[in-house]
Amino acid sequence: MGIYRDHTYRRAMAILAEWGYPEPGDLGPREAPSIIGHAVDLLASRGTTLDELALRAAIPVDLLQIILAAGTLHLLDRQQADFMRS
């Protein structure tokens, strides 16, 4: 979602480790909210628009679109990589 830069994230993890709260191991790739895309597709099939969803979630539509994009970027990256290989 791009909220924290890699440097900021690494520094935060170092500080937590100093305070005695280290991560138990490698956390793997950053979280990508992929399920939300499926949920939005399901809601859209039942007539719910992004504007209505944003209103009910009490967030701006622009933020909702950023969240949805973050959840699909990894899919786009994979599709682009497959395309480049072919």
Protein backbone atom coordinates (compact mmCIF):
# COMPACT_ATOMS: atom_id res chain seq x y z
CA MET A 1 0.00 0.00 0.00
CA GLY A 2 3.03 2.22 0.12
CA ILE A 3 2.32 3.71 3.54
CA TYR A 4 5.82 3.05 4.86
CA ARG A 5 9.02 3.15 2.86
CA ASP A 6 11.31 0.14 3.20
CA HIS A 7 13.80 2.18 5.24
CA THR A 8 11.08 3.28 7.67
CA TYR A 9 9.82 -0.27 8.06
CA ARG A 10 13.32 -1.66 8.71
CA ARG A 11 14.01 1.09 11.25
CA ALA A 12 10.73 0.38 13.05
CA MET A 13 11.60 -3.32 13.25
CA ALA A 14 15.05 -2.44 14.64
CA ILE A 15 13.48 -0.22 17.32
CA LEU A 16 11.00 -2.94 18.27
CA ALA A 17 13.91 -5.39 18.57
CA GLU A 18 15.73 -2.92 20.85
CA TRP A 19 12.62 -2.74 23.03
CA GLY A 20 12.49 -6.53 23.25
CA TYR A 21 9.76 -7.13 20.68
CA PRO A 22 11.63 -8.63 17.72
CA GLU A 23 9.76 -10.29 14.91
CA PRO A 24 9.89 -14.08 15.30
CA GLY A 25 11.34 -14.55 11.84
CA ASP A 26 11.14 -13.47 8.25
CA LEU A 27 7.74 -11.96 7.61
CA GLY A 28 7.91 -12.67 3.89
CA PRO A 29 6.49 -10.29 1.33
CA ARG A 30 4.48 -7.30 2.47
CA GLU A 31 0.77 -7.70 2.86
CA ALA A 32 -1.35 -7.14 -0.23
CA PRO A 33 -5.09 -6.81 0.43
CA SER A 34 -6.16 -9.17 -2.37
CA ILE A 35 -9.42 -10.42 -0.85
CA ILE A 36 -10.91 -6.94 -0.88
CA GLY A 37 -10.84 -6.98 -4.69
CA HIS A 38 -12.95 -10.13 -4.72
CA ALA A 39 -15.33 -8.63 -2.18
CA VAL A 40 -15.73 -5.46 -4.25
CA ASP A 41 -16.39 -7.56 -7.37
CA LEU A 42 -19.07 -9.50 -5.51
CA LEU A 43 -20.68 -6.31 -4.21
CA ALA A 44 -20.56 -4.78 -7.70
CA SER A 45 -22.34 -7.83 -9.10
CA ARG A 46 -25.11 -7.08 -6.62
CA GLY A 47 -25.30 -3.40 -7.56
CA THR A 48 -23.08 -1.75 -4.95
CA THR A 49 -20.87 1.00 -6.38
CA LEU A 50 -17.46 2.11 -5.11
CA ASP A 51 -19.03 5.39 -3.99
CA GLU A 52 -21.57 3.52 -1.85
CA LEU A 53 -18.91 1.23 -0.43
CA ALA A 54 -16.64 4.16 0.45
CA LEU A 55 -19.55 5.96 2.09
CA ARG A 56 -20.42 2.90 4.20
CA ALA A 57 -16.76 2.36 5.10
CA ALA A 58 -16.45 6.06 5.99
CA ILE A 59 -13.37 6.56 3.80
CA PRO A 60 -12.82 8.73 0.73
CA VAL A 61 -13.33 7.02 -2.64
CA ASP A 62 -9.75 7.94 -3.61
CA LEU A 63 -8.40 6.00 -0.61
CA LEU A 64 -10.59 3.00 -1.45
CA GLN A 65 -9.21 3.03 -4.99
CA ILE A 66 -5.63 3.11 -3.64
CA ILE A 67 -6.38 0.13 -1.40
CA LEU A 68 -7.90 -1.79 -4.30
CA ALA A 69 -4.92 -0.97 -6.51
CA ALA A 70 -2.53 -2.19 -3.81
CA GLY A 71 -4.39 -5.48 -3.73
CA THR A 72 -4.13 -6.01 -7.46
CA LEU A 73 -0.63 -4.70 -8.22
CA HIS A 74 0.95 -8.05 -7.41
CA LEU A 75 -1.41 -9.68 -9.90
CA LEU A 76 -0.54 -7.12 -12.56
CA ASP A 77 3.18 -7.60 -11.88
CA ARG A 78 2.79 -11.36 -12.33
CA GLN A 79 0.80 -10.92 -15.56
CA GLN A 80 3.39 -8.48 -16.91
CA ALA A 81 6.22 -10.88 -16.03
CA ASP A 82 4.39 -13.73 -17.80
CA PHE A 83 3.85 -11.48 -20.82
CA MET A 84 7.52 -10.50 -20.93
CA ARG A 85 8.57 -14.18 -20.86
CA SER A 86 6.36 -15.08 -23.82
